[in-house]
Amino acid sequence: MKKELTLNEQEELLTTLEKRFEKNINRHKNLKWSSIEAKLKANPSKLWSLDEMERTEGEPDVIGFDEKTKEYLFVDCSPESPKGRRSVCYDHEALEKRKEHKPANSAINMAEEMGIEILNEEQYKELQKLGKFDTKTSSWILTPAEIRKLGGAIFSDFRYNTVFVYHNGAESYYAARGFRGLLRV
């Protein structure tokens, strides 16, 4: 699979990202698009990952800047869990364990293939401070190793003005559950 975009595809994506950036200024106060765009153009593999986020309907947007690493943080900001990443179990081990009605993929596999990280609980809760996400769907979040070793995985959603964190068997999958990703640029 080619992991680079043509110049035309890059420009189309940058236009989409800039429009989203301007429309949702509340997500990234004090950040300038020109600085972000320059960093993106210098990192074509990151543009490919952002395009994958966009292609799977994640609507990636900048939600912050990490002062320590000097990286911009792009996260899926689609109102509901990205449509192109739903009906997946948690990880490869869970996918292999499933004998019947296997999903096409897992959240962890997809994130790795896309070059992004799956959100952890803290990141998910921070995202919810910027709007209301997953009011009808849910998203797998990075599961602590001690839970995963026991066969479980965790997911989150937003109901009753509250972020809920739940558990499920890692091999489970639902049409309304996907995952949200983070890309550092």
C-alpha atoms as a PDB file:
ATOM      1  CA  MET A   1       0.000   0.000   0.000  1.00  0.00           C
ATOM      2  CA  LYS A   2       1.415   3.382  -0.960  1.00  0.00           C
ATOM      3  CA  LYS A   3       1.844   5.609   2.073  1.00  0.00           C
ATOM      4  CA  GLU A   4       2.210   8.931   0.356  1.00  0.00           C
ATOM      5  CA  LEU A   5      -0.120  11.373  -1.295  1.00  0.00           C
ATOM      6  CA  THR A   6       0.308  13.059  -4.654  1.00  0.00           C
ATOM      7  CA  LEU A   7       0.850  16.832  -4.563  1.00  0.00           C
ATOM      8  CA  ASN A   8      -2.752  17.306  -5.691  1.00  0.00           C
ATOM      9  CA  GLU A   9      -4.039  15.021  -2.899  1.00  0.00           C
ATOM     10  CA  GLN A  10      -1.870  16.880  -0.379  1.00  0.00           C
ATOM     11  CA  GLU A  11      -3.311  20.235  -1.436  1.00  0.00           C
ATOM     12  CA  GLU A  12      -6.896  18.920  -1.265  1.00  0.00           C
ATOM     13  CA  LEU A  13      -6.309  17.551   2.224  1.00  0.00           C
ATOM     14  CA  LEU A  14      -4.614  20.740   3.425  1.00  0.00           C
ATOM     15  CA  THR A  15      -7.579  22.777   2.152  1.00  0.00           C
ATOM     16  CA  THR A  16     -10.018  20.497   4.012  1.00  0.00           C
ATOM     17  CA  LEU A  17      -7.957  20.672   7.215  1.00  0.00           C
ATOM     18  CA  GLU A  18      -7.597  24.453   7.010  1.00  0.00           C
ATOM     19  CA  LYS A  19     -11.365  24.926   6.571  1.00  0.00           C
ATOM     20  CA  ARG A  20     -12.026  22.676   9.579  1.00  0.00           C
ATOM     21  CA  PHE A  21      -9.353  24.529  11.576  1.00  0.00           C
ATOM     22  CA  GLU A  22     -10.965  27.917  10.825  1.00  0.00           C
ATOM     23  CA  LYS A  23     -14.491  26.644  11.519  1.00  0.00           C
ATOM     24  CA  ASN A  24     -13.549  25.207  14.947  1.00  0.00           C
ATOM     25  CA  ILE A  25     -11.204  27.837  16.385  1.00  0.00           C
ATOM     26  CA  ASN A  26     -12.387  26.956  19.936  1.00  0.00           C
ATOM     27  CA  ARG A  27     -10.465  23.668  19.686  1.00  0.00           C
ATOM     28  CA  HIS A  28      -7.105  25.357  19.178  1.00  0.00           C
ATOM     29  CA  LYS A  29      -7.037  28.920  20.467  1.00  0.00           C
ATOM     30  CA  ASN A  30      -3.644  30.608  20.104  1.00  0.00           C
ATOM     31  CA  LEU A  31      -2.476  28.299  17.291  1.00  0.00           C
ATOM     32  CA  LYS A  32      -1.799  29.560  13.768  1.00  0.00           C
ATOM     33  CA  TRP A  33      -2.670  27.533  10.685  1.00  0.00           C
ATOM     34  CA  SER A  34       0.434  28.732   8.780  1.00  0.00           C
ATOM     35  CA  SER A  35       2.748  27.100  11.364  1.00  0.00           C
ATOM     36  CA  ILE A  36       0.749  23.867  11.310  1.00  0.00           C
ATOM     37  CA  GLU A  37       0.645  23.779   7.507  1.00  0.00           C
ATOM     38  CA  ALA A  38       4.427  24.269   7.281  1.00  0.00           C
ATOM     39  CA  LYS A  39       5.010  21.365   9.673  1.00  0.00           C
ATOM     40  CA  LEU A  40       2.581  19.156   7.727  1.00  0.00           C
ATOM     41  CA  LYS A  41       4.263  19.938   4.395  1.00  0.00           C
ATOM     42  CA  ALA A  42       7.614  18.985   5.932  1.00  0.00           C
ATOM     43  CA  ASN A  43       6.179  15.604   7.023  1.00  0.00           C
ATOM     44  CA  PRO A  44       4.431  13.921   4.060  1.00  0.00           C
ATOM     45  CA  SER A  45       3.962  10.622   5.947  1.00  0.00           C
ATOM     46  CA  LYS A  46       1.899  12.523   8.532  1.00  0.00           C
ATOM     47  CA  LEU A  47      -0.253  13.884   5.706  1.00  0.00           C
ATOM     48  CA  TRP A  48      -0.862  10.308   4.578  1.00  0.00           C
ATOM     49  CA  SER A  49      -1.988   9.352   8.102  1.00  0.00           C
ATOM     50  CA  LEU A  50      -4.275  12.400   8.286  1.00  0.00           C
ATOM     51  CA  ASP A  51      -5.741  11.422   4.931  1.00  0.00           C
ATOM     52  CA  GLU A  52      -6.476   7.950   6.333  1.00  0.00           C
ATOM     53  CA  MET A  53      -8.211   9.599   9.310  1.00  0.00           C
ATOM     54  CA  GLU A  54     -10.221  11.719   6.875  1.00  0.00           C
ATOM     55  CA  ARG A  55     -10.989   8.806   4.521  1.00  0.00           C
ATOM     56  CA  THR A  56     -12.461   6.797   7.414  1.00  0.00           C
ATOM     57  CA  GLU A  57     -14.618   9.821   8.386  1.00  0.00           C
ATOM     58  CA  GLY A  58     -12.732  10.833  11.530  1.00  0.00           C
ATOM     59  CA  GLU A  59     -12.716  14.563  10.670  1.00  0.00           C
ATOM     60  CA  PRO A  60      -9.242  15.152  12.177  1.00  0.00           C
ATOM     61  CA  ASP A  61      -8.540  18.555  13.677  1.00  0.00           C
ATOM     62  CA  VAL A  62      -5.793  20.154  15.752  1.00  0.00           C
ATOM     63  CA  ILE A  63      -6.680  20.141  19.444  1.00  0.00           C
ATOM     64  CA  GLY A  64      -3.407  21.324  20.947  1.00  0.00           C
ATOM     65  CA  PHE A  65       0.352  21.665  20.940  1.00  0.00           C
ATOM     66  CA  ASP A  66       2.686  19.584  23.097  1.00  0.00           C
ATOM     67  CA  GLU A  67       5.292  22.016  24.464  1.00  0.00           C
ATOM     68  CA  LYS A  68       7.680  19.214  25.466  1.00  0.00           C
ATOM     69  CA  THR A  69       7.833  17.503  22.087  1.00  0.00           C
ATOM     70  CA  LYS A  70       6.966  20.582  19.977  1.00  0.00           C
ATOM     71  CA  GLU A  71       4.266  18.594  18.178  1.00  0.00           C
ATOM     72  CA  TYR A  72       0.766  19.559  17.081  1.00  0.00           C
ATOM     73  CA  LEU A  73      -1.928  17.110  18.175  1.00  0.00           C
ATOM     74  CA  PHE A  74      -4.533  16.037  15.629  1.00  0.00           C
ATOM     75  CA  VAL A  75      -7.507  14.008  16.915  1.00  0.00           C
ATOM     76  CA  ASP A  76     -10.631  12.612  15.279  1.00  0.00           C
ATOM     77  CA  CYS A  77     -13.328  15.200  15.944  1.00  0.00           C
ATOM     78  CA  SER A  78     -16.255  13.604  14.099  1.00  0.00           C
ATOM     79  CA  PRO A  79     -19.421  13.916  16.223  1.00  0.00           C
ATOM     80  CA  GLU A  80     -19.723  10.119  16.427  1.00  0.00           C
ATOM     81  CA  SER A  81     -17.081   7.393  16.328  1.00  0.00           C
ATOM     82  CA  PRO A  82     -15.624   7.390  12.777  1.00  0.00           C
ATOM     83  CA  LYS A  83     -17.883   5.365  10.462  1.00  0.00           C
ATOM     84  CA  GLY A  84     -15.013   3.798   8.564  1.00  0.00           C
ATOM     85  CA  ARG A  85     -13.590   2.332  11.771  1.00  0.00           C
ATOM     86  CA  ARG A  86     -16.615   0.728  13.412  1.00  0.00           C
ATOM     87  CA  SER A  87     -17.505  -2.945  13.888  1.00  0.00           C
ATOM     88  CA  VAL A  88     -13.962  -3.832  14.949  1.00  0.00           C
ATOM     89  CA  CYS A  89     -12.787  -5.762  17.994  1.00  0.00           C
ATOM     90  CA  TYR A  90     -10.057  -4.337  20.238  1.00  0.00           C
ATOM     91  CA  ASP A  91      -6.765  -5.909  19.076  1.00  0.00           C
ATOM     92  CA  HIS A  92      -5.168  -8.622  16.944  1.00  0.00           C
ATOM     93  CA  GLU A  93      -5.214 -11.193  19.751  1.00  0.00           C
ATOM     94  CA  ALA A  94      -8.975 -10.687  20.142  1.00  0.00           C
ATOM     95  CA  LEU A  95      -9.449 -10.947  16.379  1.00  0.00           C
ATOM     96  CA  GLU A  96      -7.560 -14.249  16.303  1.00  0.00           C
ATOM     97  CA  LYS A  97      -9.579 -15.646  19.242  1.00  0.00           C
ATOM     98  CA  ARG A  98     -12.867 -15.075  17.482  1.00  0.00           C
ATOM     99  CA  LYS A  99     -13.942 -18.249  15.726  1.00  0.00           C
ATOM    100  CA  GLU A 100     -17.298 -17.173  14.275  1.00  0.00           C
ATOM    101  CA  HIS A 101     -18.492 -13.882  12.822  1.00  0.00           C
ATOM    102  CA  LYS A 102     -15.018 -12.348  12.818  1.00  0.00           C
ATOM    103  CA  PRO A 103     -14.898  -8.603  12.233  1.00  0.00           C
ATOM    104  CA  ALA A 104     -12.782  -7.390   9.342  1.00  0.00           C
ATOM    105  CA  ASN A 105     -10.125  -5.873  11.605  1.00  0.00           C
ATOM    106  CA  SER A 106      -9.291  -4.603  15.071  1.00  0.00           C
ATOM    107  CA  ALA A 107      -8.926  -1.081  16.455  1.00  0.00           C
ATOM    108  CA  ILE A 108      -5.258  -1.521  17.374  1.00  0.00           C
ATOM    109  CA  ASN A 109      -4.390  -3.044  13.968  1.00  0.00           C
ATOM    110  CA  MET A 110      -6.176  -0.259  12.094  1.00  0.00           C
ATOM    111  CA  ALA A 111      -4.498   2.452  14.162  1.00  0.00           C
ATOM    112  CA  GLU A 112      -1.062   0.943  13.470  1.00  0.00           C
ATOM    113  CA  GLU A 113      -1.820   0.609   9.745  1.00  0.00           C
ATOM    114  CA  MET A 114      -2.911   4.267   9.690  1.00  0.00           C
ATOM    115  CA  GLY A 115       0.151   5.462  11.615  1.00  0.00           C
ATOM    116  CA  ILE A 116      -1.920   6.873  14.498  1.00  0.00           C
ATOM    117  CA  GLU A 117      -2.372   6.167  18.212  1.00  0.00           C
ATOM    118  CA  ILE A 118      -5.658   5.089  19.768  1.00  0.00           C
ATOM    119  CA  LEU A 119      -6.799   7.602  22.419  1.00  0.00           C
ATOM    120  CA  ASN A 120      -6.233   6.729  26.055  1.00  0.00           C
ATOM    121  CA  GLU A 121      -8.771   7.530  28.785  1.00  0.00           C
ATOM    122  CA  GLU A 122      -7.207  10.878  29.692  1.00  0.00           C
ATOM    123  CA  GLN A 123      -7.009  12.005  26.048  1.00  0.00           C
ATOM    124  CA  TYR A 124     -10.613  10.942  25.464  1.00  0.00           C
ATOM    125  CA  LYS A 125     -11.776  12.974  28.473  1.00  0.00           C
ATOM    126  CA  GLU A 126      -9.774  15.991  27.256  1.00  0.00           C
ATOM    127  CA  LEU A 127     -11.429  15.711  23.826  1.00  0.00           C
ATOM    128  CA  GLN A 128     -14.858  15.762  25.479  1.00  0.00           C
ATOM    129  CA  LYS A 129     -14.029  19.208  26.952  1.00  0.00           C
ATOM    130  CA  LEU A 130     -14.000  20.561  23.375  1.00  0.00           C
ATOM    131  CA  GLY A 131     -17.494  19.393  22.437  1.00  0.00           C
ATOM    132  CA  LYS A 132     -19.897  16.508  22.736  1.00  0.00           C
ATOM    133  CA  PHE A 133     -18.576  13.405  21.003  1.00  0.00           C
ATOM    134  CA  ASP A 134     -19.969   9.863  20.910  1.00  0.00           C
ATOM    135  CA  THR A 135     -23.459  10.742  22.144  1.00  0.00           C
ATOM    136  CA  LYS A 136     -24.900   7.834  20.100  1.00  0.00           C
ATOM    137  CA  THR A 137     -21.798   5.691  19.530  1.00  0.00           C
ATOM    138  CA  SER A 138     -18.821   4.565  21.598  1.00  0.00           C
ATOM    139  CA  SER A 139     -15.077   4.342  20.993  1.00  0.00           C
ATOM    140  CA  TRP A 140     -12.489   1.805  22.094  1.00  0.00           C
ATOM    141  CA  ILE A 141      -9.766   3.465  24.175  1.00  0.00           C
ATOM    142  CA  LEU A 142      -6.296   2.245  25.051  1.00  0.00           C
ATOM    143  CA  THR A 143      -6.714  -0.522  27.591  1.00  0.00           C
ATOM    144  CA  PRO A 144      -4.338  -0.939  30.545  1.00  0.00           C
ATOM    145  CA  ALA A 145      -2.249  -4.134  30.243  1.00  0.00           C
ATOM    146  CA  GLU A 146      -3.643  -5.623  33.465  1.00  0.00           C
ATOM    147  CA  ILE A 147      -7.208  -5.461  32.100  1.00  0.00           C
ATOM    148  CA  ARG A 148      -6.184  -6.721  28.664  1.00  0.00           C
ATOM    149  CA  LYS A 149      -4.313  -9.724  30.173  1.00  0.00           C
ATOM    150  CA  LEU A 150      -7.621 -10.837  31.684  1.00  0.00           C
ATOM    151  CA  GLY A 151      -9.394 -10.694  28.308  1.00  0.00           C
ATOM    152  CA  GLY A 152     -11.040  -7.307  28.705  1.00  0.00           C
ATOM    153  CA  ALA A 153     -10.857  -3.997  26.903  1.00  0.00           C
ATOM    154  CA  ILE A 154     -12.328  -0.588  27.672  1.00  0.00           C
ATOM    155  CA  PHE A 155     -14.368   1.858  25.665  1.00  0.00           C
ATOM    156  CA  SER A 156     -15.947   5.216  26.315  1.00  0.00           C
ATOM    157  CA  ASP A 157     -18.853   7.417  25.309  1.00  0.00           C
ATOM    158  CA  PHE A 158     -20.691  10.574  26.388  1.00  0.00           C
ATOM    159  CA  ARG A 159     -24.173  10.286  27.888  1.00  0.00           C
ATOM    160  CA  TYR A 160     -26.112  12.366  30.423  1.00  0.00           C
ATOM    161  CA  ASN A 161     -23.445  15.097  30.234  1.00  0.00           C
ATOM    162  CA  THR A 162     -20.892  12.588  31.530  1.00  0.00           C
ATOM    163  CA  VAL A 163     -17.962  10.676  30.034  1.00  0.00           C
ATOM    164  CA  PHE A 164     -18.448   6.996  30.808  1.00  0.00           C
ATOM    165  CA  VAL A 165     -15.733   4.344  30.672  1.00  0.00           C
ATOM    166  CA  TYR A 166     -16.962   0.771  30.325  1.00  0.00           C
ATOM    167  CA  HIS A 167     -15.501  -2.684  29.817  1.00  0.00           C
ATOM    168  CA  ASN A 168     -16.206  -5.485  27.386  1.00  0.00           C
ATOM    169  CA  GLY A 169     -14.526  -8.624  26.162  1.00  0.00           C
ATOM    170  CA  ALA A 170     -11.777  -7.534  23.767  1.00  0.00           C
ATOM    171  CA  GLU A 171     -13.155  -9.785  21.033  1.00  0.00           C
ATOM    172  CA  SER A 172     -16.566  -8.092  21.042  1.00  0.00           C
ATOM    173  CA  TYR A 173     -17.540  -5.656  18.310  1.00  0.00           C
ATOM    174  CA  TYR A 174     -20.586  -3.535  17.565  1.00  0.00           C
ATOM    175  CA  ALA A 175     -21.848  -1.483  14.645  1.00  0.00           C
ATOM    176  CA  ALA A 176     -21.861   1.614  16.836  1.00  0.00           C
ATOM    177  CA  ARG A 177     -18.350   1.194  18.283  1.00  0.00           C
ATOM    178  CA  GLY A 178     -15.161   2.299  16.593  1.00  0.00           C
ATOM    179  CA  PHE A 179     -12.127   4.184  17.819  1.00  0.00           C
ATOM    180  CA  ARG A 180     -10.674   7.671  17.761  1.00  0.00           C
ATOM    181  CA  GLY A 181      -7.066   8.344  16.888  1.00  0.00           C
ATOM    182  CA  LEU A 182      -4.323  10.805  17.728  1.00  0.00           C
ATOM    183  CA  LEU A 183      -1.582  11.913  15.363  1.00  0.00           C
ATOM    184  CA  ARG A 184       1.440  13.910  16.527  1.00  0.00           C
ATOM    185  CA  VAL A 185       2.953  16.231  13.914  1.00  0.00           C
END
